[in-house]
Amino acid sequence: MCRSTARVERRNSKQNHPEFTPIRLEDYVTLHLPANAGVDRADLVRRLKRAMEAARRGVRCRCGAPIWITGSAEVGRSCFTCITGQSVPDGDFEIDTSEGANAS
């Protein structure tokens, strides 16, 4: 396969499989607060941690999809599509729940 074909295949693969942008809990909170005046930091962290725990337990949206942690912290336990109406994320943030990502 030539290099130009490989580039097109990689680009198409990315376009066909859009993904969330993983972000650490504290980094998300730091970005969220200035853009959302009046949000209490402790309350936001509590809601995010509650949504993270629900996701770890395998809680699903009413449609059956995995919940979107950042959105679920705002509007309840639902998936990206049910919250936004968009079929796929395109770089939207999602809290990184991998082991050690949010260790203090």
PDB file of N, CA and C in Angstrom:
ATOM      1  N   MET A   1       0.851  -1.167   0.000  1.00  0.00           N
ATOM      2  CA  MET A   1       0.000   0.000   0.000  1.00  0.00           C
ATOM      3  C   MET A   1       0.903   1.237   0.000  1.00  0.00           C
ATOM      4  N   CYS A   2       0.539   2.222  -0.817  1.00  0.00           N
ATOM      5  CA  CYS A   2       1.347   3.436  -0.859  1.00  0.00           C
ATOM      6  C   CYS A   2       1.036   4.322   0.344  1.00  0.00           C
ATOM      7  N   ARG A   3       1.936   5.273   0.610  1.00  0.00           N
ATOM      8  CA  ARG A   3       1.768   6.127   1.789  1.00  0.00           C
ATOM      9  C   ARG A   3       0.497   6.965   1.720  1.00  0.00           C
ATOM     10  N   SER A   4       0.134   7.472   0.550  1.00  0.00           N
ATOM     11  CA  SER A   4      -1.060   8.315   0.458  1.00  0.00           C
ATOM     12  C   SER A   4      -2.310   7.495   0.783  1.00  0.00           C
ATOM     13  N   THR A   5      -2.349   6.246   0.362  1.00  0.00           N
ATOM     14  CA  THR A   5      -3.478   5.377   0.689  1.00  0.00           C
ATOM     15  C   THR A   5      -3.537   5.130   2.200  1.00  0.00           C
ATOM     16  N   ALA A   6      -2.396   4.923   2.804  1.00  0.00           N
ATOM     17  CA  ALA A   6      -2.354   4.697   4.246  1.00  0.00           C
ATOM     18  C   ALA A   6      -2.877   5.914   4.996  1.00  0.00           C
ATOM     19  N   ARG A   7      -2.504   7.123   4.530  1.00  0.00           N
ATOM     20  CA  ARG A   7      -2.990   8.352   5.182  1.00  0.00           C
ATOM     21  C   ARG A   7      -4.503   8.453   5.083  1.00  0.00           C
ATOM     22  N   VAL A   8      -5.059   8.168   3.909  1.00  0.00           N
ATOM     23  CA  VAL A   8      -6.510   8.232   3.711  1.00  0.00           C
ATOM     24  C   VAL A   8      -7.201   7.211   4.606  1.00  0.00           C
ATOM     25  N   GLU A   9      -6.652   6.003   4.685  1.00  0.00           N
ATOM     26  CA  GLU A   9      -7.267   4.984   5.527  1.00  0.00           C
ATOM     27  C   GLU A   9      -7.243   5.388   6.991  1.00  0.00           C
ATOM     28  N   ARG A  10      -6.136   5.968   7.462  1.00  0.00           N
ATOM     29  CA  ARG A  10      -6.070   6.425   8.856  1.00  0.00           C
ATOM     30  C   ARG A  10      -7.088   7.525   9.096  1.00  0.00           C
ATOM     31  N   ARG A  11      -7.178   8.483   8.168  1.00  0.00           N
ATOM     32  CA  ARG A  11      -8.115   9.594   8.320  1.00  0.00           C
ATOM     33  C   ARG A  11      -9.551   9.060   8.322  1.00  0.00           C
ATOM     34  N   ASN A  12      -9.875   8.176   7.384  1.00  0.00           N
ATOM     35  CA  ASN A  12     -11.217   7.610   7.339  1.00  0.00           C
ATOM     36  C   ASN A  12     -11.515   6.808   8.592  1.00  0.00           C
ATOM     37  N   SER A  13     -10.536   6.081   9.089  1.00  0.00           N
ATOM     38  CA  SER A  13     -10.725   5.314  10.312  1.00  0.00           C
ATOM     39  C   SER A  13     -11.074   6.241  11.462  1.00  0.00           C
ATOM     40  N   LYS A  14     -10.380   7.363  11.574  1.00  0.00           N
ATOM     41  CA  LYS A  14     -10.642   8.335  12.639  1.00  0.00           C
ATOM     42  C   LYS A  14     -12.025   8.956  12.446  1.00  0.00           C
ATOM     43  N   GLN A  15     -12.390   9.261  11.212  1.00  0.00           N
ATOM     44  CA  GLN A  15     -13.691   9.863  10.943  1.00  0.00           C
ATOM     45  C   GLN A  15     -14.808   8.871  11.240  1.00  0.00           C
ATOM     46  N   ASN A  16     -14.585   7.606  10.980  1.00  0.00           N
ATOM     47  CA  ASN A  16     -15.615   6.600  11.217  1.00  0.00           C
ATOM     48  C   ASN A  16     -15.697   6.201  12.683  1.00  0.00           C
ATOM     49  N   HIS A  17     -14.693   6.544  13.471  1.00  0.00           N
ATOM     50  CA  HIS A  17     -14.663   6.186  14.884  1.00  0.00           C
ATOM     51  C   HIS A  17     -14.281   7.400  15.730  1.00  0.00           C
ATOM     52  N   PRO A  18     -15.131   8.447  15.692  1.00  0.00           N
ATOM     53  CA  PRO A  18     -14.810   9.603  16.515  1.00  0.00           C
ATOM     54  C   PRO A  18     -14.750   9.175  17.980  1.00  0.00           C
ATOM     55  N   GLU A  19     -13.986   9.915  18.735  1.00  0.00           N
ATOM     56  CA  GLU A  19     -13.777   9.508  20.115  1.00  0.00           C
ATOM     57  C   GLU A  19     -13.902  10.688  21.055  1.00  0.00           C
ATOM     58  N   PHE A  20     -14.060  10.346  22.329  1.00  0.00           N
ATOM     59  CA  PHE A  20     -13.968  11.351  23.374  1.00  0.00           C
ATOM     60  C   PHE A  20     -12.512  11.735  23.551  1.00  0.00           C
ATOM     61  N   THR A  21     -12.295  12.913  24.085  1.00  0.00           N
ATOM     62  CA  THR A  21     -10.965  13.331  24.494  1.00  0.00           C
ATOM     63  C   THR A  21     -10.862  13.053  25.983  1.00  0.00           C
ATOM     64  N   PRO A  22     -10.013  12.110  26.399  1.00  0.00           N
ATOM     65  CA  PRO A  22      -9.901  11.802  27.828  1.00  0.00           C
ATOM     66  C   PRO A  22      -9.289  12.981  28.581  1.00  0.00           C
ATOM     67  N   ILE A  23      -9.797  13.209  29.782  1.00  0.00           N
ATOM     68  CA  ILE A  23      -9.296  14.296  30.608  1.00  0.00           C
ATOM     69  C   ILE A  23      -9.357  13.881  32.075  1.00  0.00           C
ATOM     70  N   ARG A  24      -8.358  14.263  32.827  1.00  0.00           N
ATOM     71  CA  ARG A  24      -8.351  13.977  34.267  1.00  0.00           C
ATOM     72  C   ARG A  24      -9.446  14.788  34.943  1.00  0.00           C
ATOM     73  N   LEU A  25      -9.989  14.271  36.013  1.00  0.00           N
ATOM     74  CA  LEU A  25     -11.062  14.931  36.752  1.00  0.00           C
ATOM     75  C   LEU A  25     -10.678  16.369  37.107  1.00  0.00           C
ATOM     76  N   GLU A  26      -9.531  16.559  37.739  1.00  0.00           N
ATOM     77  CA  GLU A  26      -9.124  17.903  38.167  1.00  0.00           C
ATOM     78  C   GLU A  26      -8.938  18.849  36.983  1.00  0.00           C
ATOM     79  N   ASP A  27      -8.414  18.338  35.877  1.00  0.00           N
ATOM     80  CA  ASP A  27      -8.238  19.180  34.697  1.00  0.00           C
ATOM     81  C   ASP A  27      -9.594  19.618  34.141  1.00  0.00           C
ATOM     82  N   TYR A  28     -10.558  18.711  34.140  1.00  0.00           N
ATOM     83  CA  TYR A  28     -11.906  19.061  33.672  1.00  0.00           C
ATOM     84  C   TYR A  28     -12.529  20.121  34.568  1.00  0.00           C
ATOM     85  N   VAL A  29     -12.414  19.932  35.867  1.00  0.00           N
ATOM     86  CA  VAL A  29     -12.973  20.889  36.817  1.00  0.00           C
ATOM     87  C   VAL A  29     -12.342  22.264  36.593  1.00  0.00           C
ATOM     88  N   THR A  30     -11.034  22.296  36.406  1.00  0.00           N
ATOM     89  CA  THR A  30     -10.322  23.558  36.173  1.00  0.00           C
ATOM     90  C   THR A  30     -10.822  24.266  34.916  1.00  0.00           C
ATOM     91  N   LEU A  31     -11.141  23.517  33.872  1.00  0.00           N
ATOM     92  CA  LEU A  31     -11.681  24.110  32.646  1.00  0.00           C
ATOM     93  C   LEU A  31     -13.150  24.495  32.789  1.00  0.00           C
ATOM     94  N   HIS A  32     -13.905  23.686  33.509  1.00  0.00           N
ATOM     95  CA  HIS A  32     -15.350  23.871  33.617  1.00  0.00           C
ATOM     96  C   HIS A  32     -15.737  25.107  34.434  1.00  0.00           C
ATOM     97  N   LEU A  33     -15.079  25.308  35.545  1.00  0.00           N
ATOM     98  CA  LEU A  33     -15.488  26.370  36.468  1.00  0.00           C
ATOM     99  C   LEU A  33     -15.457  27.779  35.870  1.00  0.00           C
ATOM    100  N   PRO A  34     -14.385  28.206  35.195  1.00  0.00           N
ATOM    101  CA  PRO A  34     -14.395  29.566  34.645  1.00  0.00           C
ATOM    102  C   PRO A  34     -15.479  29.777  33.576  1.00  0.00           C
ATOM    103  N   ALA A  35     -15.830  28.718  32.876  1.00  0.00           N
ATOM    104  CA  ALA A  35     -16.831  28.827  31.817  1.00  0.00           C
ATOM    105  C   ALA A  35     -18.258  28.708  32.342  1.00  0.00           C
ATOM    106  N   ASN A  36     -18.406  28.369  33.610  1.00  0.00           N
ATOM    107  CA  ASN A  36     -19.730  28.147  34.198  1.00  0.00           C
ATOM    108  C   ASN A  36     -19.808  28.844  35.548  1.00  0.00           C
ATOM    109  N   ALA A  37     -19.946  30.158  35.491  1.00  0.00           N
ATOM    110  CA  ALA A  37     -19.989  30.966  36.710  1.00  0.00           C
ATOM    111  C   ALA A  37     -21.098  30.473  37.634  1.00  0.00           C
ATOM    112  N   GLY A  38     -20.800  30.477  38.905  1.00  0.00           N
ATOM    113  CA  GLY A  38     -21.797  30.092  39.893  1.00  0.00           C
ATOM    114  C   GLY A  38     -21.787  28.624  40.254  1.00  0.00           C
ATOM    115  N   VAL A  39     -21.020  27.818  39.535  1.00  0.00           N
ATOM    116  CA  VAL A  39     -20.933  26.395  39.862  1.00  0.00           C
ATOM    117  C   VAL A  39     -19.995  26.223  41.049  1.00  0.00           C
ATOM    118  N   ASP A  40     -20.470  25.518  42.049  1.00  0.00           N
ATOM    119  CA  ASP A  40     -19.664  25.246  43.241  1.00  0.00           C
ATOM    120  C   ASP A  40     -18.699  24.097  42.944  1.00  0.00           C
ATOM    121  N   ARG A  41     -17.409  24.339  43.179  1.00  0.00           N
ATOM    122  CA  ARG A  41     -16.374  23.344  42.878  1.00  0.00           C
ATOM    123  C   ARG A  41     -16.651  22.010  43.577  1.00  0.00           C
ATOM    124  N   ALA A  42     -16.911  22.037  44.868  1.00  0.00           N
ATOM    125  CA  ALA A  42     -17.128  20.801  45.629  1.00  0.00           C
ATOM    126  C   ALA A  42     -18.337  20.038  45.097  1.00  0.00           C
ATOM    127  N   ASP A  43     -19.396  20.764  44.738  1.00  0.00           N
ATOM    128  CA  ASP A  43     -20.589  20.114  44.206  1.00  0.00           C
ATOM    129  C   ASP A  43     -20.297  19.474  42.848  1.00  0.00           C
ATOM    130  N   LEU A  44     -19.559  20.175  41.985  1.00  0.00           N
ATOM    131  CA  LEU A  44     -19.199  19.624  40.680  1.00  0.00           C
ATOM    132  C   LEU A  44     -18.370  18.358  40.841  1.00  0.00           C
ATOM    133  N   VAL A  45     -17.367  18.392  41.701  1.00  0.00           N
ATOM    134  CA  VAL A  45     -16.513  17.217  41.927  1.00  0.00           C
ATOM    135  C   VAL A  45     -17.355  16.059  42.459  1.00  0.00           C
ATOM    136  N   ARG A  46     -18.257  16.340  43.384  1.00  0.00           N
ATOM    137  CA  ARG A  46     -19.119  15.294  43.950  1.00  0.00           C
ATOM    138  C   ARG A  46     -19.979  14.659  42.857  1.00  0.00           C
ATOM    139  N   ARG A  47     -20.575  15.489  42.000  1.00  0.00           N
ATOM    140  CA  ARG A  47     -21.420  14.959  40.921  1.00  0.00           C
ATOM    141  C   ARG A  47     -20.611  14.149  39.918  1.00  0.00           C
ATOM    142  N   LEU A  48     -19.416  14.629  39.581  1.00  0.00           N
ATOM    143  CA  LEU A  48     -18.555  13.893  38.648  1.00  0.00           C
ATOM    144  C   LEU A  48     -18.127  12.551  39.240  1.00  0.00           C
ATOM    145  N   LYS A  49     -17.740  12.554  40.511  1.00  0.00           N
ATOM    146  CA  LYS A  49     -17.329  11.294  41.144  1.00  0.00           C
ATOM    147  C   LYS A  49     -18.492  10.312  41.232  1.00  0.00           C
ATOM    148  N   ARG A  50     -19.682  10.815  41.473  1.00  0.00           N
ATOM    149  CA  ARG A  50     -20.867   9.944  41.509  1.00  0.00           C
ATOM    150  C   ARG A  50     -21.102   9.326  40.125  1.00  0.00           C
ATOM    151  N   ALA A  51     -20.970  10.125  39.083  1.00  0.00           N
ATOM    152  CA  ALA A  51     -21.138   9.611  37.715  1.00  0.00           C
ATOM    153  C   ALA A  51     -20.018   8.633  37.355  1.00  0.00           C
ATOM    154  N   MET A  52     -18.795   8.928  37.799  1.00  0.00           N
ATOM    155  CA  MET A  52     -17.674   8.008  37.544  1.00  0.00           C
ATOM    156  C   MET A  52     -17.937   6.660  38.195  1.00  0.00           C
ATOM    157  N   GLU A  53     -18.407   6.684  39.419  1.00  0.00           N
ATOM    158  CA  GLU A  53     -18.696   5.430  40.129  1.00  0.00           C
ATOM    159  C   GLU A  53     -19.814   4.658  39.426  1.00  0.00           C
ATOM    160  N   ALA A  54     -20.827   5.356  38.968  1.00  0.00           N
ATOM    161  CA  ALA A  54     -21.912   4.697  38.233  1.00  0.00           C
ATOM    162  C   ALA A  54     -21.375   4.048  36.957  1.00  0.00           C
ATOM    163  N   ALA A  55     -20.506   4.753  36.248  1.00  0.00           N
ATOM    164  CA  ALA A  55     -19.918   4.194  35.024  1.00  0.00           C
ATOM    165  C   ALA A  55     -19.083   2.956  35.346  1.00  0.00           C
ATOM    166  N   ARG A  56     -18.311   3.005  36.433  1.00  0.00           N
ATOM    167  CA  ARG A  56     -17.505   1.834  36.835  1.00  0.00           C
ATOM    168  C   ARG A  56     -18.378   0.632  37.169  1.00  0.00           C
ATOM    169  N   ARG A  57     -19.556   0.906  37.728  1.00  0.00           N
ATOM    170  CA  ARG A  57     -20.489  -0.181  38.072  1.00  0.00           C
ATOM    171  C   ARG A  57     -21.236  -0.701  36.853  1.00  0.00           C
ATOM    172  N   GLY A  58     -21.059  -0.048  35.714  1.00  0.00           N
ATOM    173  CA  GLY A  58     -21.711  -0.511  34.493  1.00  0.00           C
ATOM    174  C   GLY A  58     -23.102   0.039  34.279  1.00  0.00           C
ATOM    175  N   VAL A  59     -23.453   1.120  34.985  1.00  0.00           N
ATOM    176  CA  VAL A  59     -24.764   1.741  34.795  1.00  0.00           C
ATOM    177  C   VAL A  59     -24.887   2.186  33.344  1.00  0.00           C
ATOM    178  N   ARG A  60     -26.048   1.953  32.762  1.00  0.00           N
ATOM    179  CA  ARG A  60     -26.296   2.283  31.360  1.00  0.00           C
ATOM    180  C   ARG A  60     -27.389   3.333  31.245  1.00  0.00           C
ATOM    181  N   CYS A  61     -27.370   4.015  30.132  1.00  0.00           N
ATOM    182  CA  CYS A  61     -28.425   4.962  29.771  1.00  0.00           C
ATOM    183  C   CYS A  61     -29.716   4.177  29.534  1.00  0.00           C
ATOM    184  N   ARG A  62     -30.831   4.854  29.549  1.00  0.00           N
ATOM    185  CA  ARG A  62     -32.114   4.177  29.304  1.00  0.00           C
ATOM    186  C   ARG A  62     -32.162   3.534  27.919  1.00  0.00           C
ATOM    187  N   CYS A  63     -31.309   4.015  26.981  1.00  0.00           N
ATOM    188  CA  CYS A  63     -31.260   3.432  25.638  1.00  0.00           C
ATOM    189  C   CYS A  63     -30.346   2.205  25.594  1.00  0.00           C
ATOM    190  N   GLY A  64     -29.582   1.976  26.679  1.00  0.00           N
ATOM    191  CA  GLY A  64     -28.703   0.816  26.742  1.00  0.00           C
ATOM    192  C   GLY A  64     -27.234   1.117  26.541  1.00  0.00           C
ATOM    193  N   ALA A  65     -26.904   2.337  26.128  1.00  0.00           N
ATOM    194  CA  ALA A  65     -25.500   2.717  25.909  1.00  0.00           C
ATOM    195  C   ALA A  65     -24.832   3.075  27.239  1.00  0.00           C
ATOM    196  N   PRO A  66     -23.506   2.995  27.288  1.00  0.00           N
ATOM    197  CA  PRO A  66     -22.793   3.435  28.494  1.00  0.00           C
ATOM    198  C   PRO A  66     -23.046   4.920  28.759  1.00  0.00           C
ATOM    199  N   ILE A  67     -23.071   5.299  30.013  1.00  0.00           N
ATOM    200  CA  ILE A  67     -23.308   6.708  30.326  1.00  0.00           C
ATOM    201  C   ILE A  67     -22.091   7.556  29.997  1.00  0.00           C
ATOM    202  N   TRP A  68     -22.336   8.818  29.719  1.00  0.00           N
ATOM    203  CA  TRP A  68     -21.297   9.819  29.481  1.00  0.00           C
ATOM    204  C   TRP A  68     -21.087  10.528  30.809  1.00  0.00           C
ATOM    205  N   ILE A  69     -19.926  10.371  31.404  1.00  0.00           N
ATOM    206  CA  ILE A  69     -19.680  10.871  32.759  1.00  0.00           C
ATOM    207  C   ILE A  69     -19.851  12.380  32.849  1.00  0.00           C
ATOM    208  N   THR A  70     -19.200  13.138  31.974  1.00  0.00           N
ATOM    209  CA  THR A  70     -19.270  14.594  32.105  1.00  0.00           C
ATOM    210  C   THR A  70     -20.688  15.111  31.908  1.00  0.00           C
ATOM    211  N   GLY A  71     -21.413  14.533  30.988  1.00  0.00           N
ATOM    212  CA  GLY A  71     -22.805  14.940  30.779  1.00  0.00           C
ATOM    213  C   GLY A  71     -23.721  14.453  31.880  1.00  0.00           C
ATOM    214  N   SER A  72     -23.475  13.237  32.357  1.00  0.00           N
ATOM    215  CA  SER A  72     -24.309  12.666  33.416  1.00  0.00           C
ATOM    216  C   SER A  72     -24.190  13.445  34.714  1.00  0.00           C
ATOM    217  N   ALA A  73     -23.056  14.056  34.951  1.00  0.00           N
ATOM    218  CA  ALA A  73     -22.878  14.868  36.159  1.00  0.00           C
ATOM    219  C   ALA A  73     -23.782  16.103  36.112  1.00  0.00           C
ATOM    220  N   GLU A  74     -24.172  16.518  34.920  1.00  0.00           N
ATOM    221  CA  GLU A  74     -25.015  17.704  34.761  1.00  0.00           C
ATOM    222  C   GLU A  74     -26.499  17.381  34.661  1.00  0.00           C
ATOM    223  N   VAL A  75     -26.841  16.337  33.926  1.00  0.00           N
ATOM    224  CA  VAL A  75     -28.268  16.109  33.623  1.00  0.00           C
ATOM    225  C   VAL A  75     -28.795  14.743  34.025  1.00  0.00           C
ATOM    226  N   GLY A  76     -27.987  13.922  34.655  1.00  0.00           N
ATOM    227  CA  GLY A  76     -28.431  12.592  35.044  1.00  0.00           C
ATOM    228  C   GLY A  76     -27.790  11.521  34.193  1.00  0.00           C
ATOM    229  N   ARG A  77     -27.954  10.304  34.601  1.00  0.00           N
ATOM    230  CA  ARG A  77     -27.253   9.158  33.999  1.00  0.00           C
ATOM    231  C   ARG A  77     -27.777   8.836  32.608  1.00  0.00           C
ATOM    232  N   SER A  78     -27.085   9.379  31.616  1.00  0.00           N
ATOM    233  CA  SER A  78     -27.467   9.180  30.226  1.00  0.00           C
ATOM    234  C   SER A  78     -26.220   9.124  29.354  1.00  0.00           C
ATOM    235  N   CYS A  79     -26.385   8.652  28.137  1.00  0.00           N
ATOM    236  CA  CYS A  79     -25.268   8.554  27.196  1.00  0.00           C
ATOM    237  C   CYS A  79     -25.090   9.869  26.442  1.00  0.00           C
ATOM    238  N   PHE A  80     -23.990   9.957  25.707  1.00  0.00           N
ATOM    239  CA  PHE A  80     -23.679  11.145  24.935  1.00  0.00           C
ATOM    240  C   PHE A  80     -24.810  11.486  23.964  1.00  0.00           C
ATOM    241  N   THR A  81     -25.296  10.496  23.232  1.00  0.00           N
ATOM    242  CA  THR A  81     -26.325  10.746  22.219  1.00  0.00           C
ATOM    243  C   THR A  81     -27.633  11.222  22.836  1.00  0.00           C
ATOM    244  N   CYS A  82     -28.059  10.607  23.921  1.00  0.00           N
ATOM    245  CA  CYS A  82     -29.307  11.027  24.551  1.00  0.00           C
ATOM    246  C   CYS A  82     -29.191  12.420  25.173  1.00  0.00           C
ATOM    247  N   ILE A  83     -28.015  12.790  25.630  1.00  0.00           N
ATOM    248  CA  ILE A  83     -27.821  14.112  26.232  1.00  0.00           C
ATOM    249  C   ILE A  83     -27.696  15.196  25.169  1.00  0.00           C
ATOM    250  N   THR A  84     -26.908  14.940  24.130  1.00  0.00           N
ATOM    251  CA  THR A  84     -26.603  15.995  23.155  1.00  0.00           C
ATOM    252  C   THR A  84     -27.440  15.930  21.887  1.00  0.00           C
ATOM    253  N   GLY A  85     -27.976  14.773  21.572  1.00  0.00           N
ATOM    254  CA  GLY A  85     -28.682  14.603  20.309  1.00  0.00           C
ATOM    255  C   GLY A  85     -27.739  14.299  19.154  1.00  0.00           C
ATOM    256  N   GLN A  86     -26.434  14.319  19.418  1.00  0.00           N
ATOM    257  CA  GLN A  86     -25.443  13.996  18.390  1.00  0.00           C
ATOM    258  C   GLN A  86     -25.171  12.501  18.420  1.00  0.00           C
ATOM    259  N   SER A  87     -24.924  11.930  17.263  1.00  0.00           N
ATOM    260  CA  SER A  87     -24.744  10.477  17.218  1.00  0.00           C
ATOM    261  C   SER A  87     -23.415  10.013  17.791  1.00  0.00           C
ATOM    262  N   VAL A  88     -22.366  10.828  17.636  1.00  0.00           N
ATOM    263  CA  VAL A  88     -21.040  10.432  18.123  1.00  0.00           C
ATOM    264  C   VAL A  88     -20.296  11.629  18.691  1.00  0.00           C
ATOM    265  N   PRO A  89     -19.412  11.381  19.657  1.00  0.00           N
ATOM    266  CA  PRO A  89     -18.582  12.478  20.159  1.00  0.00           C
ATOM    267  C   PRO A  89     -17.515  12.835  19.126  1.00  0.00           C
ATOM    268  N   ASP A  90     -17.156  14.081  19.107  1.00  0.00           N
ATOM    269  CA  ASP A  90     -16.109  14.526  18.191  1.00  0.00           C
ATOM    270  C   ASP A  90     -15.108  15.358  18.977  1.00  0.00           C
ATOM    271  N   GLY A  91     -14.376  14.644  19.851  1.00  0.00           N
ATOM    272  CA  GLY A  91     -13.398  15.327  20.665  1.00  0.00           C
ATOM    273  C   GLY A  91     -13.962  15.870  21.969  1.00  0.00           C
ATOM    274  N   ASP A  92     -15.226  15.600  22.252  1.00  0.00           N
ATOM    275  CA  ASP A  92     -15.810  16.051  23.510  1.00  0.00           C
ATOM    276  C   ASP A  92     -15.076  15.396  24.674  1.00  0.00           C
ATOM    277  N   PHE A  93     -15.003  16.112  25.788  1.00  0.00           N
ATOM    278  CA  PHE A  93     -14.295  15.591  26.954  1.00  0.00           C
ATOM    279  C   PHE A  93     -15.055  14.463  27.624  1.00  0.00           C
ATOM    280  N   GLU A  94     -14.299  13.505  28.136  1.00  0.00           N
ATOM    281  CA  GLU A  94     -14.821  12.461  29.012  1.00  0.00           C
ATOM    282  C   GLU A  94     -13.765  12.206  30.077  1.00  0.00           C
ATOM    283  N   ILE A  95     -14.220  12.061  31.305  1.00  0.00           N
ATOM    284  CA  ILE A  95     -13.308  11.839  32.416  1.00  0.00           C
ATOM    285  C   ILE A  95     -12.595  10.509  32.215  1.00  0.00           C
ATOM    286  N   ASP A  96     -11.281  10.541  32.317  1.00  0.00           N
ATOM    287  CA  ASP A  96     -10.457   9.348  32.190  1.00  0.00           C
ATOM    288  C   ASP A  96     -10.593   8.530  33.473  1.00  0.00           C
ATOM    289  N   THR A  97     -11.162   7.360  33.354  1.00  0.00           N
ATOM    290  CA  THR A  97     -11.366   6.503  34.538  1.00  0.00           C
ATOM    291  C   THR A  97     -10.315   5.405  34.649  1.00  0.00           C
ATOM    292  N   SER A  98      -9.285   5.489  33.801  1.00  0.00           N
ATOM    293  CA  SER A  98      -8.236   4.467  33.901  1.00  0.00           C
ATOM    294  C   SER A  98      -7.541   4.566  35.259  1.00  0.00           C
ATOM    295  N   GLU A  99      -7.066   3.449  35.706  1.00  0.00           N
ATOM    296  CA  GLU A  99      -6.436   3.387  37.027  1.00  0.00           C
ATOM    297  C   GLU A  99      -5.277   4.370  37.118  1.00  0.00           C
ATOM    298  N   GLY A 100      -5.298   5.179  38.140  1.00  0.00           N
ATOM    299  CA  GLY A 100      -4.229   6.133  38.373  1.00  0.00           C
ATOM    300  C   GLY A 100      -4.421   7.478  37.686  1.00  0.00           C
ATOM    301  N   ALA A 101      -5.357   7.579  36.756  1.00  0.00           N
ATOM    302  CA  ALA A 101      -5.540   8.840  36.033  1.00  0.00           C
ATOM    303  C   ALA A 101      -5.971   9.973  36.953  1.00  0.00           C
ATOM    304  N   ASN A 102      -6.731   9.654  37.971  1.00  0.00           N
ATOM    305  CA  ASN A 102      -7.260  10.676  38.859  1.00  0.00           C
ATOM    306  C   ASN A 102      -6.765  10.530  40.285  1.00  0.00           C
ATOM    307  N   ALA A 103      -5.651   9.839  40.444  1.00  0.00           N
ATOM    308  CA  ALA A 103      -5.090   9.666  41.785  1.00  0.00           C
ATOM    309  C   ALA A 103      -4.617  11.001  42.323  1.00  0.00           C
ATOM    310  N   SER A 104      -4.851  11.188  43.585  1.00  0.00           N
ATOM    311  CA  SER A 104      -4.448  12.456  44.212  1.00  0.00           C
ATOM    312  C   SER A 104      -3.065  12.365  44.784  1.00  0.00           C
TER     313      SER A 104
END
